[in-house]
Protein backbone atom coordinates (compact mmCIF):
# COMPACT_ATOMS: atom_id res chain seq x y z
CA MET A 1 -5.73 -5.13 0.56
CA ALA A 2 -6.61 -1.56 1.53
CA PHE A 3 -9.23 -2.68 4.09
CA SER A 4 -7.14 -5.60 5.43
CA MET A 5 -4.65 -3.11 7.05
CA MET A 6 -6.84 -0.08 7.32
CA GLN A 7 -6.84 -0.30 11.15
CA LEU A 8 -3.07 0.05 11.28
CA PHE A 9 -3.03 3.27 9.36
CA LEU A 10 -6.11 4.71 11.09
CA LEU A 11 -4.60 4.05 14.58
CA GLY A 12 -1.38 5.72 13.39
CA ALA A 13 -3.13 8.67 11.72
CA LEU A 14 -5.45 9.15 14.65
CA GLY A 15 -2.81 8.44 17.29
CA PRO A 16 -2.70 12.07 18.65
CA ARG A 17 -6.46 12.01 19.20
CA LEU A 18 -6.41 8.56 20.74
CA VAL A 19 -3.67 9.78 23.18
CA ASP A 20 -5.57 12.94 24.07
CA ARG A 21 -9.27 11.73 24.04
CA LEU A 22 -9.17 8.07 24.81
CA GLY A 23 -6.32 8.17 27.36
CA VAL A 24 -4.03 5.86 25.38
CA THR A 25 -0.35 6.00 26.20
CA GLU A 26 2.35 5.85 23.59
CA THR A 27 3.31 2.42 24.74
CA GLU A 28 -0.36 1.22 24.49
CA LEU A 29 -0.61 2.70 21.02
CA GLY A 30 2.24 0.40 19.94
CA LEU A 31 0.53 -2.55 21.62
CA THR A 32 -2.48 -2.12 19.32
CA THR A 33 -0.20 -2.88 16.43
CA THR A 34 1.43 -5.75 18.31
CA VAL A 35 -1.98 -7.41 19.14
CA GLY A 36 -3.40 -7.08 15.57
CA PHE A 37 -0.30 -8.23 13.75
CA GLY A 38 0.70 -10.84 16.36
CA THR A 39 -2.86 -12.37 15.65
CA ALA A 40 -2.19 -12.19 11.94
CA ALA A 41 1.27 -13.75 12.25
CA VAL A 42 -0.11 -16.76 14.20
CA LEU A 43 -3.02 -17.30 11.93
CA SER A 44 -1.24 -16.66 8.59
CA PRO A 45 -0.23 -20.38 8.05
CA VAL A 46 -3.81 -21.49 8.70
CA GLY A 47 -5.19 -18.68 6.58
CA GLY A 48 -3.18 -19.99 3.60
CA ARG A 49 -4.57 -23.46 3.90
CA ILE A 50 -8.09 -22.02 4.27
CA VAL A 51 -7.69 -19.94 1.13
CA ASP A 52 -6.35 -22.90 -0.82
CA ARG A 53 -9.49 -24.83 0.20
CA ALA A 54 -12.22 -22.26 0.19
CA GLY A 55 -11.25 -20.27 -2.92
CA PRO A 56 -10.56 -16.58 -3.33
CA ARG A 57 -14.08 -15.12 -3.52
CA ARG A 58 -15.28 -16.62 -0.20
CA SER A 59 -11.98 -15.70 1.46
CA LEU A 60 -12.08 -12.01 0.10
CA VAL A 61 -15.70 -11.65 1.26
CA ALA A 62 -14.86 -12.90 4.69
CA LEU A 63 -11.91 -10.65 4.84
CA LEU A 64 -14.04 -7.53 4.13
CA VAL A 65 -16.85 -8.52 6.52
CA LEU A 66 -14.29 -9.20 9.37
CA SER A 67 -12.52 -5.82 8.53
CA ALA A 68 -15.84 -3.98 8.92
CA ALA A 69 -16.53 -5.71 12.22
CA ALA A 70 -13.07 -4.80 13.61
CA LEU A 71 -13.32 -1.19 12.44
CA GLY A 72 -16.89 -0.89 13.90
CA LEU A 73 -15.60 -2.23 17.28
CA ILE A 74 -12.70 0.32 17.23
CA ALA A 75 -15.20 3.16 16.68
CA ALA A 76 -17.23 2.01 19.64
CA ALA A 77 -14.33 1.19 22.02
CA PRO A 78 -14.73 2.97 25.37
CA GLY A 79 -11.18 2.27 26.45
CA VAL A 80 -8.02 0.31 25.73
CA GLY A 81 -9.45 -3.12 26.53
CA LEU A 82 -12.01 -3.20 23.73
CA LEU A 83 -9.62 -1.37 21.43
CA LEU A 84 -7.17 -4.20 21.82
CA ALA A 85 -9.77 -6.86 21.28
CA ALA A 86 -10.98 -5.14 18.07
CA VAL A 87 -7.48 -4.97 16.58
CA ALA A 88 -7.06 -8.62 17.55
CA LEU A 89 -10.13 -9.36 15.40
CA GLY A 90 -8.64 -7.25 12.65
CA GLY A 91 -5.63 -9.60 12.51
CA VAL A 92 -7.81 -12.28 10.90
CA PRO A 93 -8.35 -10.31 7.62
CA GLN A 94 -4.78 -9.51 7.56
CA ALA A 95 -3.95 -13.24 7.62
CA LEU A 96 -6.19 -13.86 4.68
CA ALA A 97 -5.28 -10.90 2.56
CA ASN A 98 -2.08 -12.00 0.73
CA PRO A 99 -3.06 -15.63 0.21
CA ALA A 100 -6.51 -14.77 -1.06
CA THR A 101 -5.42 -12.11 -3.48
CA ASN A 102 -2.43 -14.09 -4.70
CA LYS A 103 -4.68 -17.16 -5.31
CA ALA A 104 -7.02 -15.00 -7.31
CA ILE A 105 -4.19 -13.59 -9.44
CA LEU A 106 -2.90 -17.16 -10.19
CA ALA A 107 -6.38 -18.26 -11.18
CA ALA A 108 -7.23 -15.38 -13.41
CA VAL A 109 -4.02 -13.48 -14.64
CA PRO A 110 -1.60 -14.78 -17.32
CA ALA A 111 1.85 -15.41 -16.03
CA ALA A 112 3.37 -12.51 -18.13
CA ARG A 113 1.15 -9.99 -16.32
CA ARG A 114 1.33 -11.30 -12.77
CA GLY A 115 4.27 -9.05 -11.69
CA THR A 116 2.34 -5.84 -12.59
CA VAL A 117 -0.85 -7.07 -11.23
CA THR A 118 0.67 -8.17 -7.98
CA GLY A 119 2.35 -4.81 -7.58
CA THR A 120 -0.95 -3.06 -8.23
CA LYS A 121 -2.88 -5.13 -5.70
CA GLN A 122 -0.01 -4.77 -3.08
CA SER A 123 -0.31 -1.01 -3.57
CA GLY A 124 -3.83 -1.36 -2.21
CA VAL A 125 -2.31 -1.40 1.21
CA GLN A 126 -0.94 2.07 0.56
CA LEU A 127 -4.24 3.16 -0.78
CA GLY A 128 -5.54 2.39 2.79
CA ALA A 129 -2.68 4.54 4.07
CA PHE A 130 -3.74 7.46 1.91
CA ALA A 131 -7.31 7.08 2.90
CA ALA A 132 -6.47 7.06 6.62
CA GLY A 133 -4.01 9.91 6.26
CA LEU A 134 -6.03 12.37 4.30
CA PRO A 135 -9.87 11.98 3.90
CA LEU A 136 -10.50 10.08 7.17
CA ALA A 137 -8.05 12.13 9.24
CA THR A 138 -9.84 15.23 7.78
CA ALA A 139 -13.18 13.65 8.61
CA ALA A 140 -12.00 13.09 12.18
CA GLY A 141 -11.69 16.81 12.54
CA LEU A 142 -15.27 17.36 11.45
CA VAL A 143 -17.28 14.41 12.91
CA GLY A 144 -14.78 13.04 15.46
CA TRP A 145 -12.49 10.05 15.28
CA ARG A 146 -15.27 7.64 16.03
CA GLY A 147 -17.33 8.89 13.20
CA ALA A 148 -14.35 8.59 10.80
CA VAL A 149 -13.62 4.97 11.80
CA GLY A 150 -17.33 4.11 11.61
CA ALA A 151 -17.35 5.51 8.04
CA ALA A 152 -14.46 3.15 7.15
CA ALA A 153 -16.38 0.24 8.57
CA GLY A 154 -19.38 1.06 6.36
CA ALA A 155 -17.14 1.23 3.31
CA ALA A 156 -15.72 -2.19 4.04
CA LEU A 157 -19.24 -3.67 4.11
CA LEU A 158 -20.04 -2.07 0.77
CA ALA A 159 -16.89 -3.63 -0.63
CA ALA A 160 -17.83 -7.06 0.65
CA VAL A 161 -21.17 -6.75 -1.24
CA TRP A 162 -19.28 -5.68 -4.39
CA ALA A 163 -16.88 -8.68 -4.07
CA TRP A 164 -19.66 -11.21 -3.63
CA ARG A 165 -21.60 -9.82 -6.63
CA SER A 166 -18.61 -9.10 -8.97
CA LEU A 167 -15.86 -11.79 -8.53
CA PRO A 168 -16.03 -15.19 -10.27
CA ALA A 169 -17.55 -17.99 -8.29
CA ASP A 170 -15.33 -20.32 -6.29
CA PRO A 171 -15.42 -24.05 -7.05
CA ASP A 172 -17.96 -26.17 -5.17
CA PRO A 173 -15.95 -27.87 -2.39
CA ALA A 174 -17.33 -31.13 -3.51
CA ALA A 175 -16.49 -30.66 -7.13
CA GLY A 176 -13.25 -31.53 -8.81
CA ARG A 177 -13.17 -28.64 -11.19
CA THR A 178 -13.15 -24.86 -10.95
CA SER A 179 -14.74 -22.05 -12.85
CA MET A 180 -11.70 -19.80 -12.36
CA GLY A 181 -9.09 -20.95 -14.74
CA ALA A 182 -7.08 -24.06 -14.75
CA VAL A 183 -6.98 -24.73 -10.94
CA GLY A 184 -8.26 -27.77 -9.38
CA ARG A 185 -10.23 -29.10 -6.47
CA ASN A 186 -10.78 -26.64 -3.55
CA GLY A 187 -8.97 -23.84 -5.44
CA ALA A 188 -5.61 -25.76 -5.53
CA ASP A 189 -3.93 -27.18 -8.61
CA PRO A 190 -4.99 -30.63 -9.84
CA ALA A 191 -2.91 -33.51 -8.55
CA PRO A 192 -0.99 -35.61 -11.00
CA GLY A 193 -3.00 -38.30 -12.65
CA ARG A 194 -6.38 -36.57 -12.30
CA SER A 195 -8.52 -35.15 -15.02
CA GLY A 196 -7.45 -31.62 -15.88
CA GLU A 197 -3.81 -32.35 -14.84
CA ARG A 198 -1.37 -29.51 -15.09
CA PRO A 199 2.40 -30.04 -15.34
CA ALA A 200 4.50 -29.16 -12.37
CA VAL A 201 5.96 -26.03 -14.00
CA ALA A 202 5.27 -22.41 -13.58
CA GLU A 203 3.19 -20.78 -16.31
CA GLY A 204 3.95 -18.27 -19.05
CA PRO A 205 6.85 -16.15 -20.06
CA GLY A 206 9.35 -15.37 -17.37
CA ALA A 207 8.04 -18.10 -15.06
CA GLU A 208 10.48 -20.41 -13.23
CA PRO A 209 11.15 -24.04 -14.24
CA ALA A 210 10.08 -26.90 -11.95
CA PRO A 211 13.44 -27.52 -10.34
CA VAL A 212 13.56 -23.84 -9.13
CA ALA A 213 10.02 -24.08 -7.79
CA ALA A 214 10.95 -27.33 -6.02
CA ARG A 215 13.88 -25.59 -4.26
CA PHE A 216 11.76 -22.56 -3.27
CA GLY A 217 10.72 -23.86 0.15
CA GLY A 218 14.05 -22.81 1.67
CA SER A 219 13.80 -19.41 0.03
CA VAL A 220 10.46 -18.81 1.68
CA THR A 221 12.29 -18.98 5.05
CA TRP A 222 14.80 -16.38 3.91
CA LEU A 223 12.08 -14.09 2.59
CA ALA A 224 10.07 -14.42 5.81
CA GLY A 225 13.28 -13.46 7.68
CA PHE A 226 13.67 -10.37 5.37
CA SER A 227 10.01 -9.48 5.91
CA LEU A 228 10.32 -9.83 9.66
CA PHE A 229 12.93 -7.06 9.98
CA LEU A 230 11.30 -4.93 7.21
CA GLY A 231 7.88 -5.22 8.94
CA ALA A 232 9.31 -4.21 12.29
CA GLY A 233 10.63 -0.90 10.79
CA ILE A 234 7.68 -0.12 8.59
CA ALA A 235 5.23 -0.73 11.58
CA SER A 236 7.11 1.75 13.75
CA VAL A 237 6.91 4.39 11.06
CA ASN A 238 3.24 3.85 10.38
CA THR A 239 2.36 3.91 14.08
CA TYR A 240 4.54 6.82 15.31
CA LEU A 241 5.19 9.14 12.35
CA VAL A 242 2.04 11.28 12.97
CA LEU A 243 2.65 11.43 16.75
CA PHE A 244 6.24 12.45 16.04
CA GLY A 245 5.03 15.25 13.86
CA VAL A 246 2.72 16.48 16.53
CA GLN A 247 4.86 16.12 19.57
CA ARG A 248 8.36 16.87 18.20
CA LEU A 249 7.82 18.94 15.05
CA GLY A 250 4.85 21.07 16.30
CA MET A 251 2.45 20.08 13.47
CA GLY A 252 -1.33 20.02 13.88
CA PRO A 253 -2.99 16.64 13.92
CA ALA A 254 -4.49 17.12 10.43
CA VAL A 255 -1.18 18.32 8.91
CA ALA A 256 0.72 15.48 10.55
CA GLY A 257 -1.93 13.00 9.20
CA GLY A 258 -0.89 14.12 5.78
CA LEU A 259 2.48 12.41 6.35
CA ILE A 260 0.64 9.02 6.13
CA ALA A 261 -1.17 10.21 3.04
CA VAL A 262 2.12 11.17 1.34
CA LEU A 263 3.67 7.86 2.42
CA GLY A 264 0.67 6.05 0.96
CA VAL A 265 0.91 7.74 -2.46
CA ALA A 266 4.64 7.10 -2.65
CA GLY A 267 4.01 3.54 -1.64
CA ILE A 268 1.50 3.00 -4.45
CA ALA A 269 3.98 4.30 -7.00
CA GLY A 270 6.82 2.38 -5.50
CA ARG A 271 5.02 -0.94 -5.24
CA VAL A 272 3.70 -0.75 -8.84
CA GLY A 273 6.99 0.44 -10.29
CA TRP A 274 9.39 -1.96 -8.47
CA SER A 275 7.04 -4.96 -8.93
CA ARG A 276 7.07 -4.32 -12.69
CA ALA A 277 10.85 -4.16 -12.57
CA ALA A 278 11.05 -7.44 -10.59
CA VAL A 279 11.76 -9.73 -13.59
CA PRO A 280 13.57 -13.08 -12.84
CA GLY A 281 17.35 -12.40 -12.57
CA ARG A 282 16.77 -8.95 -11.18
CA ALA A 283 13.99 -9.53 -8.70
CA GLU A 284 16.32 -11.53 -6.40
CA TRP A 285 18.44 -8.47 -5.78
CA LEU A 286 15.73 -5.85 -5.34
CA PRO A 287 14.78 -6.62 -1.69
CA GLY A 288 18.34 -5.81 -0.54
CA GLY A 289 18.53 -2.60 -2.52
CA LEU A 290 15.13 -1.42 -1.31
CA ALA A 291 16.19 -2.10 2.21
CA ALA A 292 19.23 0.03 1.73
CA GLY A 293 16.98 2.90 0.49
CA ALA A 294 14.82 2.40 3.60
CA VAL A 295 17.90 2.94 5.81
CA GLY A 296 18.40 6.31 4.14
CA ALA A 297 14.72 7.18 4.88
CA ALA A 298 15.17 6.37 8.55
CA ALA A 299 18.26 8.64 8.54
CA LEU A 300 16.07 11.53 7.28
CA LEU A 301 13.69 11.01 10.22
CA VAL A 302 16.60 11.24 12.68
CA ALA A 303 17.60 14.57 11.05
CA ALA A 304 14.02 15.87 10.77
CA PRO A 305 13.95 17.89 14.13
CA TYR A 306 16.79 20.05 12.72
CA ALA A 307 15.22 20.61 9.34
CA GLU A 308 11.49 19.99 9.29
CA PRO A 309 10.98 19.53 5.58
CA LEU A 310 13.07 16.38 5.83
CA VAL A 311 10.14 14.53 7.45
CA TRP A 312 8.15 14.88 4.20
CA ALA A 313 11.10 13.56 2.16
CA ALA A 314 11.37 10.73 4.71
CA ALA A 315 7.69 9.83 4.25
CA VAL A 316 8.28 9.68 0.47
CA ALA A 317 11.43 7.49 0.79
CA VAL A 318 9.70 5.11 3.25
CA GLY A 319 6.96 4.60 0.64
CA VAL A 320 9.20 4.22 -2.40
CA PHE A 321 11.68 1.88 -0.69
CA ALA A 322 10.54 0.25 2.51
CA VAL A 323 6.83 -0.55 1.80
CA SER A 324 7.82 -1.70 -1.73
CA GLY A 325 10.00 -4.42 -0.42
CA ASN A 326 7.01 -6.48 0.67
CA ALA A 327 5.41 -6.22 -2.79
CA VAL A 328 8.65 -7.53 -4.41
CA SER A 329 8.87 -10.45 -2.07
CA MET A 330 5.32 -11.44 -3.09
CA VAL A 331 6.21 -11.19 -6.70
CA LEU A 332 9.06 -13.62 -5.92
CA VAL A 333 6.60 -15.97 -4.31
CA MET A 334 4.37 -15.80 -7.37
CA GLN A 335 7.31 -16.52 -9.74
CA ARG A 336 8.62 -19.42 -7.87
CA SER A 337 5.87 -21.19 -5.90
CA ALA A 338 5.18 -24.75 -7.03
CA PRO A 339 1.64 -25.38 -8.45
CA GLY A 340 -0.87 -25.55 -5.60
CA ARG A 341 1.44 -23.89 -2.91
CA ALA A 342 1.01 -20.18 -3.72
CA GLY A 343 -1.40 -19.66 -0.87
CA ARG A 344 0.69 -21.37 1.74
CA ASP A 345 3.95 -19.86 0.56
CA SER A 346 2.36 -16.39 0.56
CA ALA A 347 1.07 -17.02 4.04
CA ARG A 348 4.53 -18.00 5.38
CA VAL A 349 6.16 -14.86 3.98
CA ALA A 350 3.30 -12.69 5.34
CA ALA A 351 3.67 -14.34 8.79
CA GLY A 352 7.24 -13.08 8.90
CA PHE A 353 6.04 -9.60 7.89
CA PHE A 354 3.25 -9.58 10.48
CA ALA A 355 5.57 -10.80 13.22
CA GLY A 356 7.78 -7.84 12.49
CA PHE A 357 4.74 -5.55 12.68
CA ALA A 358 3.93 -7.08 16.17
CA LEU A 359 7.51 -6.72 17.48
CA GLY A 360 8.60 -3.30 16.17
CA PRO A 361 6.13 -0.76 17.72
CA PRO A 362 6.39 -1.86 21.41
CA LEU A 363 10.17 -1.27 21.31
CA PHE A 364 9.66 2.09 19.57
CA GLY A 365 6.87 3.01 21.95
CA ARG A 366 8.97 2.72 25.09
CA LEU A 367 11.45 5.18 23.43
CA ALA A 368 8.70 7.43 22.33
CA GLU A 369 7.04 7.60 25.83
CA SER A 370 10.35 8.94 27.19
CA GLY A 371 10.73 11.37 24.28
CA ARG A 372 13.66 9.48 22.60
CA TYR A 373 12.43 9.72 19.06
CA GLY A 374 15.83 10.07 17.60
CA THR A 375 16.97 6.77 19.20
CA GLY A 376 13.71 5.21 17.90
CA TRP A 377 14.40 6.15 14.31
CA GLY A 378 17.96 4.78 14.77
CA LEU A 379 16.42 1.46 15.86
CA VAL A 380 14.27 1.60 12.73
CA ALA A 381 17.29 2.13 10.57
CA ALA A 382 18.98 -0.85 12.21
CA GLU A 383 15.94 -3.01 11.48
CA PHE A 384 15.99 -2.04 7.81
CA ALA A 385 19.71 -2.76 7.64
CA LEU A 386 19.17 -6.26 9.01
CA ALA A 387 16.49 -6.81 6.39
CA GLY A 388 18.88 -5.83 3.74
CA ALA A 389 21.63 -8.17 5.09
CA VAL A 390 19.18 -11.06 5.08
CA ALA A 391 18.02 -10.24 1.52
CA LEU A 392 21.44 -9.92 0.07
CA THR A 393 22.72 -13.13 1.69
CA TRP A 394 19.74 -15.09 0.29
CA ALA A 395 20.32 -13.47 -3.22
CA ALA A 396 23.88 -14.51 -3.22
CA ARG A 397 23.06 -18.02 -1.99
CA ASP A 398 20.34 -18.32 -4.66
CA ARG A 399 22.63 -17.22 -7.50
CA ARG A 400 25.33 -19.75 -6.42
CA THR A 401 22.65 -22.52 -6.22
CA ARG A 402 21.37 -21.72 -9.63
CA ARG A 403 24.85 -21.80 -11.12
CA GLU A 404 25.61 -25.14 -9.46
CA ALA A 405 22.26 -26.58 -10.82
CA ALA A 406 23.13 -25.27 -14.32
CA THR A 407 26.58 -26.91 -14.48
CA SER A 408 25.46 -30.24 -12.84
């Protein structure tokens, strides 16, 4: 998860250097995010089907190799053209990340522990933010930004070797059984009537009954809509927070890079903590509440030019609230997906998130290029507010549907 989105955080953390030394404009910096996550949004539905068929180990190894290739191309980019091509390639591992990791959890982790494990793996994204914001941004000051990105590419290759050697083997595509738990042919759950059949119910304590899973298809659309607006706001923060610190608050590039590191650490704590709290009956209401907290974080960014320490509080709040919303939505997918559909449902929700990442930064970039950061952070607050409205509407509809089902 850390490597799948490493390029986003690196481009944000190294934004001032890219503007000064590669000649990238603020708008073009936003376009890098648009190209990468636009690719991920388009490929996510296909990625879910690939993971369901190929299995998690093959998918995770492919993810890490492609991440290394994308980072290597970014390090070698002589200008904006190859930089955009590299981040487009980086969209492929982003499309594979949630389906592959969720499928691995379903195959290997008992139902009672899946919320905690899902939150931990989702916090890997914020581990990538921390790495980009502190050690790699510091390395860029010593060996240059290209050397720092190249080091990240080498680390991704080492992780690919580790994944291939350490993870349980995937099923043979021609076989009808798997060596990773009670899942069936091609990494999906066995169909009714076959050997090794599983009942069409979720597993373990706290899991949802079959009728709830059967109704979850419509909920995926609501969660994808929530993720769209949430992703638009988060991507703008990730892409422009460091540049805001340098251009408007007078920070040095290394100090401003620490904002991404702080956001990453807070995001790790938030994703693990909120995912653990996301038990059925409470989980449905958490996305709306987290989005409300994210609106407050954006308000702190609006006020930061008048009181610089607020930018650090804002970074913490974005990590605790905004970036945790995606982890909780994935917990809901894990709790409610019908057997065999976790990869595809995860991919649909991730597609909404990635579409938001593609749409948010270009809008913010036009404002940043004209120096209107305050208006940009107001736009981010509006995006988080829309995410909260979608989430709360879905939670209310879901509660009403459950009550009607219980009394019918």
